Amino acid sequence: KDHRRAGNGFDASDKDDACQIQQWPVFGI
């Protein structure tokens, strides 16, 4: 899954006490 594409964003951190859903230059399975 290409997380750079619109609609494939996610919150990449569980350390910042915030919800930041956005695109990231990574691939998921």
PDB file of all heavy atoms in Angstrom:
ATOM      1  N   LYS A   1       0.856  -1.185   0.000  1.00  0.00           N
ATOM      2  CA  LYS A   1       0.000   0.000   0.000  1.00  0.00           C
ATOM      3  C   LYS A   1       0.889   1.231   0.000  1.00  0.00           C
ATOM      4  O   LYS A   1       1.740   1.395   0.882  1.00  0.00           O
ATOM      5  CB  LYS A   1      -0.905  -0.008   1.234  1.00  0.00           C
ATOM      6  CG  LYS A   1      -1.914   1.135   1.271  1.00  0.00           C
ATOM      7  CD  LYS A   1      -2.894   0.931   2.405  1.00  0.00           C
ATOM      8  CE  LYS A   1      -3.988   1.986   2.386  1.00  0.00           C
ATOM      9  NZ  LYS A   1      -5.026   1.721   3.420  1.00  0.00           N
ATOM     10  N   ASP A   2       0.687   2.092  -0.991  1.00  0.00           N
ATOM     11  CA  ASP A   2       1.507   3.290  -1.149  1.00  0.00           C
ATOM     12  C   ASP A   2       0.902   4.408  -0.302  1.00  0.00           C
ATOM     13  O   ASP A   2      -0.129   4.985  -0.634  1.00  0.00           O
ATOM     14  CB  ASP A   2       1.539   3.693  -2.624  1.00  0.00           C
ATOM     15  CG  ASP A   2       2.480   4.851  -2.898  1.00  0.00           C
ATOM     16  OD1 ASP A   2       2.964   5.478  -1.931  1.00  0.00           O
ATOM     17  OD2 ASP A   2       2.724   5.144  -4.094  1.00  0.00           O
ATOM     18  N   HIS A   3       1.566   4.720   0.807  1.00  0.00           N
ATOM     19  CA  HIS A   3       1.051   5.746   1.726  1.00  0.00           C
ATOM     20  C   HIS A   3       1.373   7.168   1.280  1.00  0.00           C
ATOM     21  O   HIS A   3       1.055   8.123   1.989  1.00  0.00           O
ATOM     22  CB  HIS A   3       1.584   5.490   3.142  1.00  0.00           C
ATOM     23  CG  HIS A   3       1.008   4.268   3.777  1.00  0.00           C
ATOM     24  ND1 HIS A   3      -0.286   4.190   4.208  1.00  0.00           N
ATOM     25  CD2 HIS A   3       1.561   3.063   4.031  1.00  0.00           C
ATOM     26  CE1 HIS A   3      -0.519   2.997   4.717  1.00  0.00           C
ATOM     27  NE2 HIS A   3       0.582   2.285   4.621  1.00  0.00           N
ATOM     28  N   ARG A   4       1.950   7.327   0.087  1.00  0.00           N
ATOM     29  CA  ARG A   4       2.147   8.663  -0.481  1.00  0.00           C
ATOM     30  C   ARG A   4       0.883   9.143  -1.186  1.00  0.00           C
ATOM     31  O   ARG A   4       0.731  10.333  -1.435  1.00  0.00           O
ATOM     32  CB  ARG A   4       3.297   8.635  -1.483  1.00  0.00           C
ATOM     33  CG  ARG A   4       4.654   8.257  -0.895  1.00  0.00           C
ATOM     34  CD  ARG A   4       5.674   8.039  -1.983  1.00  0.00           C
ATOM     35  NE  ARG A   4       5.267   6.966  -2.895  1.00  0.00           N
ATOM     36  CZ  ARG A   4       6.006   6.542  -3.922  1.00  0.00           C
ATOM     37  NH1 ARG A   4       7.168   7.109  -4.176  1.00  0.00           N
ATOM     38  NH2 ARG A   4       5.577   5.568  -4.696  1.00  0.00           N
ATOM     39  N   ARG A   5      -0.032   8.216  -1.497  1.00  0.00           N
ATOM     40  CA  ARG A   5      -1.221   8.551  -2.277  1.00  0.00           C
ATOM     41  C   ARG A   5      -2.327   9.137  -1.400  1.00  0.00           C
ATOM     42  O   ARG A   5      -2.474   8.784  -0.226  1.00  0.00           O
ATOM     43  CB  ARG A   5      -1.740   7.304  -2.992  1.00  0.00           C
ATOM     44  CG  ARG A   5      -0.766   6.727  -3.999  1.00  0.00           C
ATOM     45  CD  ARG A   5      -1.345   5.509  -4.678  1.00  0.00           C
ATOM     46  NE  ARG A   5      -2.591   5.811  -5.383  1.00  0.00           N
ATOM     47  CZ  ARG A   5      -3.315   4.903  -6.018  1.00  0.00           C
ATOM     48  NH1 ARG A   5      -2.918   3.644  -6.047  1.00  0.00           N
ATOM     49  NH2 ARG A   5      -4.429   5.251  -6.631  1.00  0.00           N
ATOM     50  N   ALA A   6      -3.100  10.027  -1.987  1.00  0.00           N
ATOM     51  CA  ALA A   6      -4.235  10.617  -1.270  1.00  0.00           C
ATOM     52  C   ALA A   6      -5.204   9.525  -0.839  1.00  0.00           C
ATOM     53  O   ALA A   6      -5.493   8.598  -1.584  1.00  0.00           O
ATOM     54  CB  ALA A   6      -4.942  11.618  -2.172  1.00  0.00           C
ATOM     55  N   GLY A   7      -5.677   9.636   0.389  1.00  0.00           N
ATOM     56  CA  GLY A   7      -6.589   8.641   0.936  1.00  0.00           C
ATOM     57  C   GLY A   7      -5.895   7.508   1.651  1.00  0.00           C
ATOM     58  O   GLY A   7      -6.547   6.704   2.331  1.00  0.00           O
ATOM     59  N   ASN A   8      -4.572   7.412   1.522  1.00  0.00           N
ATOM     60  CA  ASN A   8      -3.808   6.353   2.179  1.00  0.00           C
ATOM     61  C   ASN A   8      -2.961   6.890   3.330  1.00  0.00           C
ATOM     62  O   ASN A   8      -1.974   6.279   3.722  1.00  0.00           O
ATOM     63  CB  ASN A   8      -2.887   5.649   1.167  1.00  0.00           C
ATOM     64  CG  ASN A   8      -3.655   4.768   0.208  1.00  0.00           C
ATOM     65  OD1 ASN A   8      -4.849   4.562   0.371  1.00  0.00           O
ATOM     66  ND2 ASN A   8      -2.969   4.243  -0.794  1.00  0.00           N
ATOM     67  N   GLY A   9      -3.349   8.038   3.860  1.00  0.00           N
ATOM     68  CA  GLY A   9      -2.576   8.613   4.961  1.00  0.00           C
ATOM     69  C   GLY A   9      -2.769   7.848   6.250  1.00  0.00           C
ATOM     70  O   GLY A   9      -3.708   7.065   6.418  1.00  0.00           O
ATOM     71  N   PHE A  10      -1.869   8.068   7.174  1.00  0.00           N
ATOM     72  CA  PHE A  10      -1.986   7.457   8.507  1.00  0.00           C
ATOM     73  C   PHE A  10      -1.197   8.283   9.511  1.00  0.00           C
ATOM     74  O   PHE A  10      -0.379   9.139   9.149  1.00  0.00           O
ATOM     75  CB  PHE A  10      -1.507   6.008   8.498  1.00  0.00           C
ATOM     76  CG  PHE A  10      -0.004   5.830   8.321  1.00  0.00           C
ATOM     77  CD1 PHE A  10       0.804   5.535   9.403  1.00  0.00           C
ATOM     78  CD2 PHE A  10       0.578   5.956   7.070  1.00  0.00           C
ATOM     79  CE1 PHE A  10       2.160   5.364   9.250  1.00  0.00           C
ATOM     80  CE2 PHE A  10       1.944   5.792   6.902  1.00  0.00           C
ATOM     81  CZ  PHE A  10       2.743   5.505   7.994  1.00  0.00           C
ATOM     82  N   ASP A  11      -1.461   8.032  10.771  1.00  0.00           N
ATOM     83  CA  ASP A  11      -0.754   8.698  11.869  1.00  0.00           C
ATOM     84  C   ASP A  11       0.506   7.880  12.154  1.00  0.00           C
ATOM     85  O   ASP A  11       0.424   6.742  12.617  1.00  0.00           O
ATOM     86  CB  ASP A  11      -1.661   8.761  13.100  1.00  0.00           C
ATOM     87  CG  ASP A  11      -1.022   9.495  14.272  1.00  0.00           C
ATOM     88  OD1 ASP A  11       0.156   9.868  14.172  1.00  0.00           O
ATOM     89  OD2 ASP A  11      -1.706   9.678  15.293  1.00  0.00           O
ATOM     90  N   ALA A  12       1.662   8.459  11.874  1.00  0.00           N
ATOM     91  CA  ALA A  12       2.916   7.699  11.910  1.00  0.00           C
ATOM     92  C   ALA A  12       3.564   7.614  13.287  1.00  0.00           C
ATOM     93  O   ALA A  12       4.556   6.905  13.445  1.00  0.00           O
ATOM     94  CB  ALA A  12       3.911   8.307  10.926  1.00  0.00           C
ATOM     95  N   SER A  13       3.020   8.308  14.276  1.00  0.00           N
ATOM     96  CA  SER A  13       3.678   8.306  15.586  1.00  0.00           C
ATOM     97  C   SER A  13       2.687   8.048  16.711  1.00  0.00           C
ATOM     98  O   SER A  13       1.572   8.571  16.704  1.00  0.00           O
ATOM     99  CB  SER A  13       4.378   9.646  15.834  1.00  0.00           C
ATOM    100  OG  SER A  13       4.906   9.681  17.149  1.00  0.00           O
ATOM    101  N   ASP A  14       3.108   7.251  17.682  1.00  0.00           N
ATOM    102  CA  ASP A  14       2.323   7.073  18.906  1.00  0.00           C
ATOM    103  C   ASP A  14       3.042   7.740  20.086  1.00  0.00           C
ATOM    104  O   ASP A  14       2.781   7.445  21.241  1.00  0.00           O
ATOM    105  CB  ASP A  14       2.093   5.589  19.192  1.00  0.00           C
ATOM    106  CG  ASP A  14       3.384   4.819  19.431  1.00  0.00           C
ATOM    107  OD1 ASP A  14       4.477   5.407  19.241  1.00  0.00           O
ATOM    108  OD2 ASP A  14       3.309   3.639  19.810  1.00  0.00           O
ATOM    109  N   LYS A  15       3.957   8.668  19.766  1.00  0.00           N
ATOM    110  CA  LYS A  15       4.775   9.305  20.804  1.00  0.00           C
ATOM    111  C   LYS A  15       4.440  10.778  21.019  1.00  0.00           C
ATOM    112  O   LYS A  15       4.922  11.395  21.969  1.00  0.00           O
ATOM    113  CB  LYS A  15       6.265   9.209  20.440  1.00  0.00           C
ATOM    114  CG  LYS A  15       6.754   7.801  20.144  1.00  0.00           C
ATOM    115  CD  LYS A  15       6.674   6.890  21.350  1.00  0.00           C
ATOM    116  CE  LYS A  15       7.258   5.513  21.033  1.00  0.00           C
ATOM    117  NZ  LYS A  15       7.106   4.581  22.158  1.00  0.00           N
ATOM    118  N   ASP A  16       3.641  11.388  20.107  1.00  0.00           N
ATOM    119  CA  ASP A  16       3.462  12.844  20.164  1.00  0.00           C
ATOM    120  C   ASP A  16       2.112  13.279  20.735  1.00  0.00           C
ATOM    121  O   ASP A  16       1.797  14.469  20.738  1.00  0.00           O
ATOM    122  CB  ASP A  16       3.655  13.451  18.768  1.00  0.00           C
ATOM    123  CG  ASP A  16       2.686  12.855  17.748  1.00  0.00           C
ATOM    124  OD1 ASP A  16       1.837  12.034  18.144  1.00  0.00           O
ATOM    125  OD2 ASP A  16       2.795  13.217  16.562  1.00  0.00           O
ATOM    126  N   ASP A  17       1.299  12.324  21.211  1.00  0.00           N
ATOM    127  CA  ASP A  17      -0.008  12.660  21.796  1.00  0.00           C
ATOM    128  C   ASP A  17      -0.851  13.520  20.848  1.00  0.00           C
ATOM    129  O   ASP A  17      -1.585  14.410  21.282  1.00  0.00           O
ATOM    130  CB  ASP A  17       0.156  13.384  23.139  1.00  0.00           C
ATOM    131  CG  ASP A  17       0.783  12.491  24.192  1.00  0.00           C
ATOM    132  OD1 ASP A  17       0.453  11.291  24.220  1.00  0.00           O
ATOM    133  OD2 ASP A  17       1.615  12.986  24.986  1.00  0.00           O
ATOM    134  N   ALA A  18      -0.720  13.259  19.553  1.00  0.00           N
ATOM    135  CA  ALA A  18      -1.485  14.018  18.564  1.00  0.00           C
ATOM    136  C   ALA A  18      -1.919  13.085  17.445  1.00  0.00           C
ATOM    137  O   ALA A  18      -1.354  11.999  17.270  1.00  0.00           O
ATOM    138  CB  ALA A  18      -0.639  15.155  17.992  1.00  0.00           C
ATOM    139  N   CYS A  19      -2.932  13.531  16.737  1.00  0.00           N
ATOM    140  CA  CYS A  19      -3.414  12.762  15.576  1.00  0.00           C
ATOM    141  C   CYS A  19      -3.031  13.528  14.311  1.00  0.00           C
ATOM    142  O   CYS A  19      -3.601  14.593  14.037  1.00  0.00           O
ATOM    143  CB  CYS A  19      -4.926  12.560  15.665  1.00  0.00           C
ATOM    144  SG  CYS A  19      -5.596  11.632  14.275  1.00  0.00           S
ATOM    145  N   GLN A  20      -2.050  13.010  13.590  1.00  0.00           N
ATOM    146  CA  GLN A  20      -1.586  13.678  12.385  1.00  0.00           C
ATOM    147  C   GLN A  20      -1.647  12.703  11.207  1.00  0.00           C
ATOM    148  O   GLN A  20      -0.651  12.088  10.837  1.00  0.00           O
ATOM    149  CB  GLN A  20      -0.156  14.189  12.566  1.00  0.00           C
ATOM    150  CG  GLN A  20      -0.015  15.211  13.701  1.00  0.00           C
ATOM    151  CD  GLN A  20       1.367  15.829  13.740  1.00  0.00           C
ATOM    152  OE1 GLN A  20       1.885  16.273  12.714  1.00  0.00           O
ATOM    153  NE2 GLN A  20       1.973  15.864  14.908  1.00  0.00           N
ATOM    154  N   ILE A  21      -2.849  12.575  10.675  1.00  0.00           N
ATOM    155  CA  ILE A  21      -3.035  11.677   9.541  1.00  0.00           C
ATOM    156  C   ILE A  21      -2.630  12.409   8.269  1.00  0.00           C
ATOM    157  O   ILE A  21      -3.205  13.439   7.920  1.00  0.00           O
ATOM    158  CB  ILE A  21      -4.494  11.207   9.451  1.00  0.00           C
ATOM    159  CG1 ILE A  21      -4.845  10.393  10.702  1.00  0.00           C
ATOM    160  CG2 ILE A  21      -4.723  10.386   8.179  1.00  0.00           C
ATOM    161  CD1 ILE A  21      -6.284   9.950  10.760  1.00  0.00           C
ATOM    162  N   GLN A  22      -1.632  11.899   7.591  1.00  0.00           N
ATOM    163  CA  GLN A  22      -1.149  12.512   6.374  1.00  0.00           C
ATOM    164  C   GLN A  22      -0.407  11.476   5.534  1.00  0.00           C
ATOM    165  O   GLN A  22      -0.184  10.347   5.987  1.00  0.00           O
ATOM    166  CB  GLN A  22      -0.226  13.686   6.682  1.00  0.00           C
ATOM    167  CG  GLN A  22       1.031  13.312   7.466  1.00  0.00           C
ATOM    168  CD  GLN A  22       1.774  14.543   7.938  1.00  0.00           C
ATOM    169  OE1 GLN A  22       1.327  15.275   8.820  1.00  0.00           O
ATOM    170  NE2 GLN A  22       2.940  14.774   7.327  1.00  0.00           N
ATOM    171  N   GLN A  23      -0.068  11.858   4.322  1.00  0.00           N
ATOM    172  CA  GLN A  23       0.690  10.946   3.478  1.00  0.00           C
ATOM    173  C   GLN A  23       2.146  10.906   3.961  1.00  0.00           C
ATOM    174  O   GLN A  23       2.703  11.909   4.403  1.00  0.00           O
ATOM    175  CB  GLN A  23       0.646  11.405   2.012  1.00  0.00           C
ATOM    176  CG  GLN A  23      -0.659  11.086   1.297  1.00  0.00           C
ATOM    177  CD  GLN A  23      -1.800  11.990   1.749  1.00  0.00           C
ATOM    178  OE1 GLN A  23      -1.704  13.203   1.705  1.00  0.00           O
ATOM    179  NE2 GLN A  23      -2.892  11.378   2.190  1.00  0.00           N
ATOM    180  N   TRP A  24       2.738   9.706   3.832  1.00  0.00           N
ATOM    181  CA  TRP A  24       4.132   9.522   4.209  1.00  0.00           C
ATOM    182  C   TRP A  24       4.833   8.718   3.107  1.00  0.00           C
ATOM    183  O   TRP A  24       4.208   7.891   2.452  1.00  0.00           O
ATOM    184  CB  TRP A  24       4.250   8.762   5.537  1.00  0.00           C
ATOM    185  CG  TRP A  24       3.617   9.476   6.697  1.00  0.00           C
ATOM    186  CD1 TRP A  24       2.346   9.327   7.156  1.00  0.00           C
ATOM    187  CD2 TRP A  24       4.229  10.446   7.535  1.00  0.00           C
ATOM    188  NE1 TRP A  24       2.115  10.146   8.228  1.00  0.00           N
ATOM    189  CE2 TRP A  24       3.260  10.849   8.486  1.00  0.00           C
ATOM    190  CE3 TRP A  24       5.500  11.032   7.579  1.00  0.00           C
ATOM    191  CZ2 TRP A  24       3.526  11.796   9.466  1.00  0.00           C
ATOM    192  CZ3 TRP A  24       5.767  11.973   8.570  1.00  0.00           C
ATOM    193  CH2 TRP A  24       4.781  12.347   9.496  1.00  0.00           C
ATOM    194  N   PRO A  25       6.115   8.928   2.912  1.00  0.00           N
ATOM    195  CA  PRO A  25       6.834   8.239   1.825  1.00  0.00           C
ATOM    196  C   PRO A  25       7.247   6.821   2.209  1.00  0.00           C
ATOM    197  O   PRO A  25       8.432   6.474   2.216  1.00  0.00           O
ATOM    198  CB  PRO A  25       8.053   9.146   1.600  1.00  0.00           C
ATOM    199  CG  PRO A  25       8.321   9.718   2.962  1.00  0.00           C
ATOM    200  CD  PRO A  25       6.972   9.925   3.584  1.00  0.00           C
ATOM    201  N   VAL A  26       6.261   6.012   2.539  1.00  0.00           N
ATOM    202  CA  VAL A  26       6.533   4.622   2.919  1.00  0.00           C
ATOM    203  C   VAL A  26       5.476   3.718   2.275  1.00  0.00           C
ATOM    204  O   VAL A  26       4.421   4.176   1.836  1.00  0.00           O
ATOM    205  CB  VAL A  26       6.516   4.428   4.450  1.00  0.00           C
ATOM    206  CG1 VAL A  26       7.623   5.227   5.110  1.00  0.00           C
ATOM    207  CG2 VAL A  26       5.164   4.804   5.032  1.00  0.00           C
ATOM    208  N   PHE A  27       5.768   2.430   2.249  1.00  0.00           N
ATOM    209  CA  PHE A  27       4.831   1.427   1.784  1.00  0.00           C
ATOM    210  C   PHE A  27       4.440   0.521   2.950  1.00  0.00           C
ATOM    211  O   PHE A  27       5.289   0.179   3.786  1.00  0.00           O
ATOM    212  CB  PHE A  27       5.448   0.576   0.669  1.00  0.00           C
ATOM    213  CG  PHE A  27       5.613   1.321  -0.626  1.00  0.00           C
ATOM    214  CD1 PHE A  27       6.751   2.082  -0.861  1.00  0.00           C
ATOM    215  CD2 PHE A  27       4.634   1.267  -1.600  1.00  0.00           C
ATOM    216  CE1 PHE A  27       6.907   2.779  -2.049  1.00  0.00           C
ATOM    217  CE2 PHE A  27       4.776   1.954  -2.794  1.00  0.00           C
ATOM    218  CZ  PHE A  27       5.914   2.712  -3.025  1.00  0.00           C
ATOM    219  N   GLY A  28       3.182   0.138   3.003  1.00  0.00           N
ATOM    220  CA  GLY A  28       2.710  -0.770   4.035  1.00  0.00           C
ATOM    221  C   GLY A  28       2.282  -2.092   3.407  1.00  0.00           C
ATOM    222  O   GLY A  28       2.193  -2.228   2.188  1.00  0.00           O
ATOM    223  N   ILE A  29       2.029  -3.089   4.254  1.00  0.00           N
ATOM    224  CA  ILE A  29       1.501  -4.361   3.771  1.00  0.00           C
ATOM    225  C   ILE A  29       0.135  -4.594   4.402  1.00  0.00           C
ATOM    226  O   ILE A  29      -0.153  -4.104   5.487  1.00  0.00           O
ATOM    227  CB  ILE A  29       2.463  -5.531   4.043  1.00  0.00           C
ATOM    228  CG1 ILE A  29       2.905  -5.571   5.515  1.00  0.00           C
ATOM    229  CG2 ILE A  29       3.666  -5.474   3.133  1.00  0.00           C
ATOM    230  CD1 ILE A  29       3.844  -6.725   5.835  1.00  0.00           C
TER     231      ILE A  29
END
